[in-house]
Amino acid sequence: MKESLIKVNVKTRHLPEHPANTDEKYAFAYQITIANKSDVPVQLVSRYWLITDGSGKKSEVQGDGVIGKQPTIEPGSSFEYTSGAVLDTPVGTMEGHYHMLTDDGDKFRVPIDVFTLAVPNIIN
């Protein structure tokens, strides 16, 4: 299984109405679509995130699945979910990877490229 056959697309948005969003905290949502372009089903087993805020503070998040699920994504289909992060600065980044598994036990890692979390119009 080639990880290049699993495509990850990310959309982000600032959540000004979120209760965690204050003068010192910034809440963001990220919507992820994972598309299986291979010819075999794959299961998302676990995730790893490296979150970096605008001051360079890093935090790591890892665990089983995403949003409480370990979905199996059939060939030609996709899985979509939304989650969130709260930063101490109005701009930051996230990057990471998913650990995937095929029916025949092939384990592989799918990288998630760096993406930005930013309050709109923060730079004047």
C-alpha atoms as a PDB file:
ATOM      1  CA  MET A   1       0.000   0.000   0.000  1.00  0.00           C
ATOM      2  CA  LYS A   2       1.367   3.377  -0.948  1.00  0.00           C
ATOM      3  CA  GLU A   3       0.495   6.261   1.324  1.00  0.00           C
ATOM      4  CA  SER A   4       0.356   8.459  -1.791  1.00  0.00           C
ATOM      5  CA  LEU A   5      -2.943   6.738  -2.672  1.00  0.00           C
ATOM      6  CA  ILE A   6      -4.554   8.225   0.453  1.00  0.00           C
ATOM      7  CA  LYS A   7      -5.298  11.926  -0.026  1.00  0.00           C
ATOM      8  CA  VAL A   8      -5.816  14.298   2.908  1.00  0.00           C
ATOM      9  CA  ASN A   9      -7.519  17.662   2.384  1.00  0.00           C
ATOM     10  CA  VAL A  10      -7.799  20.245   5.172  1.00  0.00           C
ATOM     11  CA  LYS A  11     -10.027  23.315   5.540  1.00  0.00           C
ATOM     12  CA  THR A  12      -9.709  25.564   8.592  1.00  0.00           C
ATOM     13  CA  ARG A  13     -11.695  28.355  10.166  1.00  0.00           C
ATOM     14  CA  HIS A  14     -11.509  30.608  13.203  1.00  0.00           C
ATOM     15  CA  LEU A  15     -14.344  30.197  15.723  1.00  0.00           C
ATOM     16  CA  PRO A  16     -14.910  33.647  17.248  1.00  0.00           C
ATOM     17  CA  GLU A  17     -18.194  32.468  18.846  1.00  0.00           C
ATOM     18  CA  HIS A  18     -16.604  29.447  20.603  1.00  0.00           C
ATOM     19  CA  PRO A  19     -16.589  29.696  24.451  1.00  0.00           C
ATOM     20  CA  ALA A  20     -12.835  28.963  24.535  1.00  0.00           C
ATOM     21  CA  ASN A  21     -12.195  31.983  22.303  1.00  0.00           C
ATOM     22  CA  THR A  22     -11.124  34.888  24.557  1.00  0.00           C
ATOM     23  CA  ASP A  23      -8.618  37.742  24.500  1.00  0.00           C
ATOM     24  CA  GLU A  24      -5.904  35.206  25.356  1.00  0.00           C
ATOM     25  CA  LYS A  25      -7.149  32.060  23.574  1.00  0.00           C
ATOM     26  CA  TYR A  26      -8.061  31.461  19.948  1.00  0.00           C
ATOM     27  CA  ALA A  27     -10.377  28.611  18.915  1.00  0.00           C
ATOM     28  CA  PHE A  28     -10.165  27.005  15.479  1.00  0.00           C
ATOM     29  CA  ALA A  29     -11.943  24.213  13.634  1.00  0.00           C
ATOM     30  CA  TYR A  30     -10.357  22.038  11.001  1.00  0.00           C
ATOM     31  CA  GLN A  31     -12.307  19.892   8.582  1.00  0.00           C
ATOM     32  CA  ILE A  32     -10.446  16.893   7.195  1.00  0.00           C
ATOM     33  CA  THR A  33     -11.374  14.778   4.199  1.00  0.00           C
ATOM     34  CA  ILE A  34      -9.456  11.515   3.756  1.00  0.00           C
ATOM     35  CA  ALA A  35      -9.930   9.994   0.304  1.00  0.00           C
ATOM     36  CA  ASN A  36      -8.953   6.412  -0.511  1.00  0.00           C
ATOM     37  CA  LYS A  37      -7.648   6.344  -4.104  1.00  0.00           C
ATOM     38  CA  SER A  38      -6.333   2.779  -3.734  1.00  0.00           C
ATOM     39  CA  ASP A  39      -8.048  -0.472  -4.671  1.00  0.00           C
ATOM     40  CA  VAL A  40      -8.223  -1.854  -1.101  1.00  0.00           C
ATOM     41  CA  PRO A  41     -10.090  -0.773   2.064  1.00  0.00           C
ATOM     42  CA  VAL A  42      -7.959   1.047   4.665  1.00  0.00           C
ATOM     43  CA  GLN A  43      -8.639   1.646   8.339  1.00  0.00           C
ATOM     44  CA  LEU A  44      -7.523   4.785  10.157  1.00  0.00           C
ATOM     45  CA  VAL A  45      -6.039   3.330  13.357  1.00  0.00           C
ATOM     46  CA  SER A  46      -4.424   6.329  15.067  1.00  0.00           C
ATOM     47  CA  ARG A  47      -3.336   9.931  14.639  1.00  0.00           C
ATOM     48  CA  TYR A  48      -0.443  12.182  15.597  1.00  0.00           C
ATOM     49  CA  TRP A  49      -0.512  15.989  15.579  1.00  0.00           C
ATOM     50  CA  LEU A  50       2.214  18.546  16.197  1.00  0.00           C
ATOM     51  CA  ILE A  51       0.609  21.906  16.986  1.00  0.00           C
ATOM     52  CA  THR A  52       2.798  25.017  17.010  1.00  0.00           C
ATOM     53  CA  ASP A  53       1.481  28.407  18.090  1.00  0.00           C
ATOM     54  CA  GLY A  54       2.754  31.780  16.880  1.00  0.00           C
ATOM     55  CA  SER A  55       5.270  32.065  19.723  1.00  0.00           C
ATOM     56  CA  GLY A  56       6.829  28.710  18.823  1.00  0.00           C
ATOM     57  CA  LYS A  57       5.242  26.717  21.663  1.00  0.00           C
ATOM     58  CA  LYS A  58       4.720  23.135  20.523  1.00  0.00           C
ATOM     59  CA  SER A  59       2.270  20.529  21.745  1.00  0.00           C
ATOM     60  CA  GLU A  60       1.747  16.971  20.593  1.00  0.00           C
ATOM     61  CA  VAL A  61      -1.514  15.058  20.410  1.00  0.00           C
ATOM     62  CA  GLN A  62      -1.735  11.370  19.628  1.00  0.00           C
ATOM     63  CA  GLY A  63      -4.275   8.666  20.115  1.00  0.00           C
ATOM     64  CA  ASP A  64      -6.530   6.047  18.647  1.00  0.00           C
ATOM     65  CA  GLY A  65      -8.586   7.046  15.619  1.00  0.00           C
ATOM     66  CA  VAL A  66     -10.221  10.432  15.156  1.00  0.00           C
ATOM     67  CA  ILE A  67     -13.276  11.861  16.945  1.00  0.00           C
ATOM     68  CA  GLY A  68     -13.751   8.553  18.747  1.00  0.00           C
ATOM     69  CA  LYS A  69     -13.794   6.490  15.544  1.00  0.00           C
ATOM     70  CA  GLN A  70     -11.415   4.199  13.685  1.00  0.00           C
ATOM     71  CA  PRO A  71     -13.127   4.334  10.301  1.00  0.00           C
ATOM     72  CA  THR A  72     -12.563   1.938   7.435  1.00  0.00           C
ATOM     73  CA  ILE A  73     -12.489   3.820   4.139  1.00  0.00           C
ATOM     74  CA  GLU A  74     -13.498   1.772   1.127  1.00  0.00           C
ATOM     75  CA  PRO A  75     -11.729   2.128  -2.248  1.00  0.00           C
ATOM     76  CA  GLY A  76     -12.958   5.186  -4.111  1.00  0.00           C
ATOM     77  CA  SER A  77     -14.689   6.674  -1.071  1.00  0.00           C
ATOM     78  CA  SER A  78     -13.747   9.157   1.631  1.00  0.00           C
ATOM     79  CA  PHE A  79     -14.210   9.915   5.315  1.00  0.00           C
ATOM     80  CA  GLU A  80     -14.771  13.446   6.578  1.00  0.00           C
ATOM     81  CA  TYR A  81     -14.659  14.827  10.103  1.00  0.00           C
ATOM     82  CA  THR A  82     -14.322  18.122  11.921  1.00  0.00           C
ATOM     83  CA  SER A  83     -12.290  18.725  15.052  1.00  0.00           C
ATOM     84  CA  GLY A  84     -10.681  21.705  16.722  1.00  0.00           C
ATOM     85  CA  ALA A  85      -7.732  23.272  18.463  1.00  0.00           C
ATOM     86  CA  VAL A  86      -7.279  26.186  20.857  1.00  0.00           C
ATOM     87  CA  LEU A  87      -4.091  28.250  20.574  1.00  0.00           C
ATOM     88  CA  ASP A  88      -2.535  30.925  22.786  1.00  0.00           C
ATOM     89  CA  THR A  89      -1.809  33.062  19.704  1.00  0.00           C
ATOM     90  CA  PRO A  90      -3.976  34.198  16.754  1.00  0.00           C
ATOM     91  CA  VAL A  91      -1.801  32.260  14.281  1.00  0.00           C
ATOM     92  CA  GLY A  92      -0.307  28.771  14.415  1.00  0.00           C
ATOM     93  CA  THR A  93       0.256  25.598  12.453  1.00  0.00           C
ATOM     94  CA  MET A  94      -0.601  21.918  12.620  1.00  0.00           C
ATOM     95  CA  GLU A  95       0.986  18.921  10.932  1.00  0.00           C
ATOM     96  CA  GLY A  96       1.083  15.217  11.574  1.00  0.00           C
ATOM     97  CA  HIS A  97       0.181  11.803  10.263  1.00  0.00           C
ATOM     98  CA  TYR A  98      -2.342   8.990  10.372  1.00  0.00           C
ATOM     99  CA  HIS A  99      -1.454   5.349  10.946  1.00  0.00           C
ATOM    100  CA  MET A 100      -3.453   3.210   8.545  1.00  0.00           C
ATOM    101  CA  LEU A 101      -4.030  -0.526   8.204  1.00  0.00           C
ATOM    102  CA  THR A 102      -5.174  -2.668   5.276  1.00  0.00           C
ATOM    103  CA  ASP A 103      -7.265  -5.840   5.582  1.00  0.00           C
ATOM    104  CA  ASP A 104      -4.160  -7.959   4.998  1.00  0.00           C
ATOM    105  CA  GLY A 105      -2.299  -6.313   7.894  1.00  0.00           C
ATOM    106  CA  ASP A 106      -0.170  -3.863   5.894  1.00  0.00           C
ATOM    107  CA  LYS A 107       0.544  -0.889   8.194  1.00  0.00           C
ATOM    108  CA  PHE A 108       1.588   2.470   6.793  1.00  0.00           C
ATOM    109  CA  ARG A 109       1.722   6.142   7.681  1.00  0.00           C
ATOM    110  CA  VAL A 110      -0.057   8.919   5.776  1.00  0.00           C
ATOM    111  CA  PRO A 111       1.596  12.324   6.264  1.00  0.00           C
ATOM    112  CA  ILE A 112      -0.516  15.430   6.837  1.00  0.00           C
ATOM    113  CA  ASP A 113       1.237  18.496   5.466  1.00  0.00           C
ATOM    114  CA  VAL A 114       1.606  21.637   7.551  1.00  0.00           C
ATOM    115  CA  PHE A 115      -1.498  23.808   7.531  1.00  0.00           C
ATOM    116  CA  THR A 116      -2.158  27.202   9.103  1.00  0.00           C
ATOM    117  CA  LEU A 117      -4.676  28.182  11.748  1.00  0.00           C
ATOM    118  CA  ALA A 118      -5.183  31.951  11.652  1.00  0.00           C
ATOM    119  CA  VAL A 119      -7.643  34.591  12.720  1.00  0.00           C
ATOM    120  CA  PRO A 120      -8.814  36.309   9.491  1.00  0.00           C
ATOM    121  CA  ASN A 121      -7.404  39.777   8.822  1.00  0.00           C
ATOM    122  CA  ILE A 122      -4.992  39.490  11.752  1.00  0.00           C
ATOM    123  CA  ILE A 123      -2.263  41.214   9.741  1.00  0.00           C
ATOM    124  CA  ASN A 124      -3.156  44.797   8.848  1.00  0.00           C
END
